[in-house]
Protein backbone atom coordinates (compact mmCIF):
# COMPACT_ATOMS: atom_id res chain seq x y z
CA MET A 1 -14.33 -177.99 -35.86
CA PRO A 2 -12.37 -174.50 -36.42
CA ASP A 3 -9.06 -173.32 -34.67
CA PRO A 4 -8.96 -169.95 -32.83
CA SER A 5 -7.83 -168.56 -36.24
CA GLY A 6 -11.12 -169.70 -37.87
CA ARG A 7 -9.61 -172.64 -40.13
CA ARG A 8 -11.58 -175.96 -40.04
CA VAL A 9 -9.16 -178.65 -38.43
CA ARG A 10 -9.68 -182.68 -39.54
CA ALA A 11 -10.51 -185.22 -36.17
CA ASP A 12 -6.82 -186.23 -36.21
CA ALA A 13 -4.96 -182.94 -36.32
CA ARG A 14 -7.28 -181.65 -33.34
CA ALA A 15 -6.28 -184.87 -31.35
CA ASN A 16 -3.06 -184.66 -32.06
CA GLU A 17 -3.21 -180.38 -31.00
CA ASP A 18 -4.80 -181.57 -27.94
CA LYS A 19 -2.16 -183.75 -26.87
CA LEU A 20 0.44 -181.30 -27.38
CA LEU A 21 -1.32 -179.00 -25.27
CA ALA A 22 -1.77 -181.21 -22.59
CA ALA A 23 1.82 -182.68 -22.87
CA ALA A 24 3.01 -179.07 -22.71
CA ALA A 25 1.39 -177.90 -19.84
CA LEU A 26 2.62 -181.19 -17.85
CA ALA A 27 6.15 -180.39 -19.10
CA PHE A 28 6.05 -176.35 -18.18
CA ALA A 29 4.06 -177.18 -14.74
CA ARG A 30 6.92 -179.77 -14.07
CA ASP A 31 10.57 -178.35 -15.58
CA GLY A 32 9.25 -174.64 -16.35
CA ALA A 33 11.39 -172.46 -18.43
CA ALA A 34 13.84 -175.48 -19.21
CA ALA A 35 10.76 -177.45 -21.16
CA THR A 36 11.95 -178.20 -24.46
CA LEU A 37 9.70 -179.00 -27.67
CA LYS A 38 11.51 -181.80 -28.51
CA GLN A 39 10.21 -183.70 -24.76
CA ILE A 40 6.63 -182.33 -24.92
CA ALA A 41 6.36 -183.84 -28.98
CA GLU A 42 8.46 -186.80 -26.97
CA ASP A 43 5.65 -186.68 -24.15
CA ALA A 44 2.59 -185.92 -26.63
CA GLY A 45 3.69 -189.16 -28.94
CA VAL A 46 4.14 -187.22 -32.00
CA GLY A 47 6.84 -186.03 -33.84
CA ILE A 48 8.80 -182.94 -33.70
CA GLY A 49 7.77 -181.78 -37.29
CA THR A 50 4.20 -182.62 -35.85
CA LEU A 51 4.74 -180.22 -33.22
CA TYR A 52 6.87 -177.36 -35.62
CA ARG A 53 3.61 -177.51 -38.17
CA ARG A 54 1.30 -176.73 -35.53
CA PHE A 55 2.82 -174.31 -33.52
CA PRO A 56 6.22 -172.95 -35.84
CA THR A 57 7.27 -170.92 -33.08
CA ARG A 58 7.84 -171.96 -28.35
CA GLU A 59 5.45 -168.13 -28.19
CA GLN A 60 2.92 -170.19 -30.40
CA LEU A 61 2.54 -172.94 -28.52
CA VAL A 62 3.08 -171.03 -24.80
CA ASP A 63 0.03 -168.81 -26.28
CA ALA A 64 -2.19 -171.73 -26.89
CA THR A 65 -1.36 -173.65 -23.77
CA TYR A 66 -2.24 -170.39 -21.81
CA ARG A 67 -5.65 -170.33 -23.96
CA TYR A 68 -5.86 -174.21 -23.48
CA GLU A 69 -5.44 -174.78 -19.60
CA THR A 70 -7.84 -171.48 -19.41
CA ALA A 71 -10.78 -172.91 -21.49
CA ARG A 72 -10.07 -176.46 -20.06
CA LEU A 73 -9.95 -174.90 -16.31
CA CYS A 74 -13.36 -173.19 -17.15
CA ALA A 75 -15.31 -176.12 -18.33
CA ARG A 76 -14.86 -178.14 -14.89
CA THR A 77 -17.68 -175.99 -13.60
CA SER A 78 -20.35 -178.08 -14.69
CA PRO A 79 -18.44 -181.65 -13.98
CA LEU A 80 -18.05 -180.41 -10.54
CA LEU A 81 -21.54 -179.09 -9.74
CA ARG A 82 -22.63 -182.36 -11.32
CA ASP A 83 -20.83 -184.09 -8.75
CA LEU A 84 -19.99 -182.00 -5.53
CA PRO A 85 -22.91 -179.75 -2.99
CA ALA A 86 -21.55 -176.05 -4.68
CA ASP A 87 -19.61 -174.77 -2.35
CA ARG A 88 -17.31 -177.98 -2.14
CA ALA A 89 -17.18 -177.92 -5.58
CA LEU A 90 -15.67 -174.34 -5.54
CA ARG A 91 -13.16 -175.42 -3.33
CA ALA A 92 -11.98 -178.51 -5.67
CA TRP A 93 -11.88 -176.42 -8.36
CA MET A 94 -9.68 -173.49 -6.50
CA SER A 95 -7.18 -176.70 -5.92
CA GLU A 96 -7.36 -177.10 -9.39
CA VAL A 97 -6.43 -173.76 -10.03
CA LEU A 98 -2.80 -174.10 -8.25
CA ASP A 99 -2.41 -176.51 -10.62
CA TYR A 100 -3.49 -174.43 -13.60
CA LEU A 101 -1.24 -171.89 -12.27
CA ALA A 102 1.86 -174.11 -11.92
CA ALA A 103 1.65 -174.70 -15.72
CA LYS A 104 1.51 -170.60 -16.15
CA HIS A 105 4.82 -170.28 -14.13
CA GLY A 106 6.63 -172.50 -15.86
CA MET A 107 5.85 -170.16 -19.03
CA ALA A 108 5.70 -166.70 -16.95
CA GLU A 109 8.89 -165.44 -19.15
CA THR A 110 7.69 -165.99 -22.80
CA LEU A 111 3.88 -165.85 -21.08
CA LYS A 112 4.79 -161.89 -19.47
CA ALA A 113 5.46 -160.82 -23.21
CA LEU A 114 2.57 -162.37 -24.87
CA LEU A 115 0.63 -160.57 -22.13
CA ARG A 116 1.97 -157.25 -22.64
CA ASP A 117 1.64 -157.03 -26.45
CA ASP A 118 -1.62 -158.66 -26.45
CA GLU A 119 -3.70 -156.67 -23.65
CA ARG A 120 -6.79 -158.77 -24.58
CA LEU A 121 -5.50 -161.86 -24.12
CA GLY A 122 -5.32 -161.14 -20.20
CA SER A 123 -8.69 -159.81 -19.64
CA GLN A 124 -10.18 -162.27 -22.04
CA THR A 125 -8.25 -164.81 -19.08
CA ARG A 126 -10.06 -162.74 -16.10
CA ALA A 127 -13.27 -162.76 -17.76
CA GLN A 128 -13.38 -166.43 -18.17
CA LEU A 129 -12.51 -167.29 -14.32
CA THR A 130 -14.51 -164.70 -13.01
CA ASP A 131 -17.49 -166.53 -14.97
CA ALA A 132 -16.75 -169.56 -13.35
CA VAL A 133 -16.23 -168.65 -9.77
CA GLU A 134 -19.86 -166.67 -10.34
CA GLU A 135 -21.19 -170.45 -11.87
CA PHE A 136 -19.41 -171.72 -8.89
CA ARG A 137 -21.78 -168.83 -6.45
CA LEU A 138 -25.17 -168.37 -7.86
CA ALA A 139 -24.92 -172.08 -6.88
CA ALA A 140 -23.77 -172.33 -3.63
CA VAL A 141 -25.68 -168.86 -2.89
CA ALA A 142 -29.30 -171.47 -3.96
CA GLN A 143 -28.14 -173.87 -2.00
CA GLY A 144 -27.72 -171.89 1.67
CA ALA A 145 -24.28 -172.43 1.72
CA VAL A 146 -22.14 -168.98 0.67
CA ARG A 147 -23.15 -165.55 1.82
CA GLU A 148 -24.95 -163.59 -0.71
CA ASP A 149 -23.32 -160.50 -0.56
CA VAL A 150 -19.88 -161.89 -1.73
CA ALA A 151 -18.90 -161.04 -5.18
CA SER A 152 -17.32 -163.20 -7.47
CA SER A 153 -14.60 -160.81 -8.33
CA ASP A 154 -13.71 -160.26 -4.88
CA ILE A 155 -13.30 -164.45 -4.88
CA LEU A 156 -11.23 -164.75 -7.55
CA MET A 157 -9.25 -161.59 -6.17
CA ALA A 158 -8.69 -163.59 -2.80
CA LEU A 159 -7.83 -166.68 -5.00
CA ALA A 160 -5.23 -164.67 -6.55
CA GLY A 161 -3.75 -163.18 -2.99
CA VAL A 162 -3.84 -166.67 -2.33
CA THR A 163 -1.44 -168.26 -5.22
CA LEU A 164 0.27 -165.00 -4.84
CA ALA A 165 1.69 -165.46 -1.71
CA ALA A 166 2.05 -169.56 -1.80
CA GLY A 167 2.23 -170.29 -5.20
CA ASP A 168 5.16 -172.60 -5.05
CA VAL A 169 4.59 -176.22 -5.48
CA ARG A 170 6.44 -176.73 -2.11
CA GLN A 171 4.04 -174.67 -0.62
CA ARG A 172 0.83 -176.50 -1.85
CA ALA A 173 -0.05 -177.56 1.66
CA GLN A 174 0.19 -174.13 2.79
CA ALA A 175 -1.91 -173.06 -0.17
CA GLU A 176 -4.85 -175.27 0.32
CA ARG A 177 -4.77 -174.37 4.26
CA LEU A 178 -5.35 -170.53 2.78
CA LEU A 179 -7.87 -171.72 0.34
CA ASP A 180 -9.89 -173.31 3.80
CA LEU A 181 -10.03 -169.75 5.52
CA LEU A 182 -10.85 -168.25 2.18
CA MET A 183 -14.00 -170.16 2.39
CA ASP A 184 -14.49 -170.50 5.29
CA GLY A 185 -14.61 -166.56 5.24
CA ILE A 186 -17.08 -166.45 2.48
CA THR A 187 -19.26 -169.65 3.34
CA ARG A 188 -22.27 -169.12 5.73
CA PRO A 189 -20.92 -168.65 9.52
CA GLY A 190 -19.85 -171.93 10.85
CA ARG A 191 -20.41 -174.25 7.78
CA TRP A 192 -17.27 -174.52 6.19
CA ARG A 193 -15.88 -175.73 9.39
CA ALA A 194 -18.61 -178.28 10.08
CA ALA A 195 -18.45 -179.44 6.74
CA THR A 196 -14.52 -180.38 6.48
CA GLY A 197 -14.70 -181.22 10.29
CA SER A 198 -11.95 -178.71 10.98
C-alpha cells in the first residue's frame, strides 16, 4: 500500500504508523501542546526511533495525524448508516466530530502554521467533511427524516458554530445539547424531539 508520498509501505510499517497516529491523536486530545513524542511512542508501543524514522519532525507528525483523523472520521459514515437510521447516524457522527476536534485543538499552534503554508490542506478537509455530511443527508432525506431544503454545507457550518461556541472539553454537555438543537432544526417538524423523547 502506498503512503501519501506514493511510496509502498510494508504491512508491519503501516501497522506501526497507524498505531503512532492513533496514539498521537489521543495524546494531543489529552495533553494538548504538552504532548511529547516520547510519550506518543510509548503509548503506541513502539520505540522513539520508529517514530522519528517515520516522522522526523513534530510538524510532520501533526500533519499526518490531522489527515489520519479526518480520514478516519469520514470513514465512519458507512458503519453508522448501516447500524442506525440516517438521522440518528448523523447525530452520532456529530458527537464523534467533537472528539476529532479535541485532538485538533491539541495540535492548534502547529496545525495553524501547516494550514497557512498549505492552503490545499484546509480545502481538502472541508471537502471531505462536506462529502461525509452529504452522505448522511441524502440517506436521511430518502428516509423522510431530514428536510430536503437543508444543504450539507449549511449543516457543516452550523456544526462548526457549535464547536466554536462550546468546543472545550469542559463544555461537552452543552455541546451535545446544542447538537440536539441543530438536529431539531434540520429534521422534519417534531421528528427529532419525538425520536429522542425530549
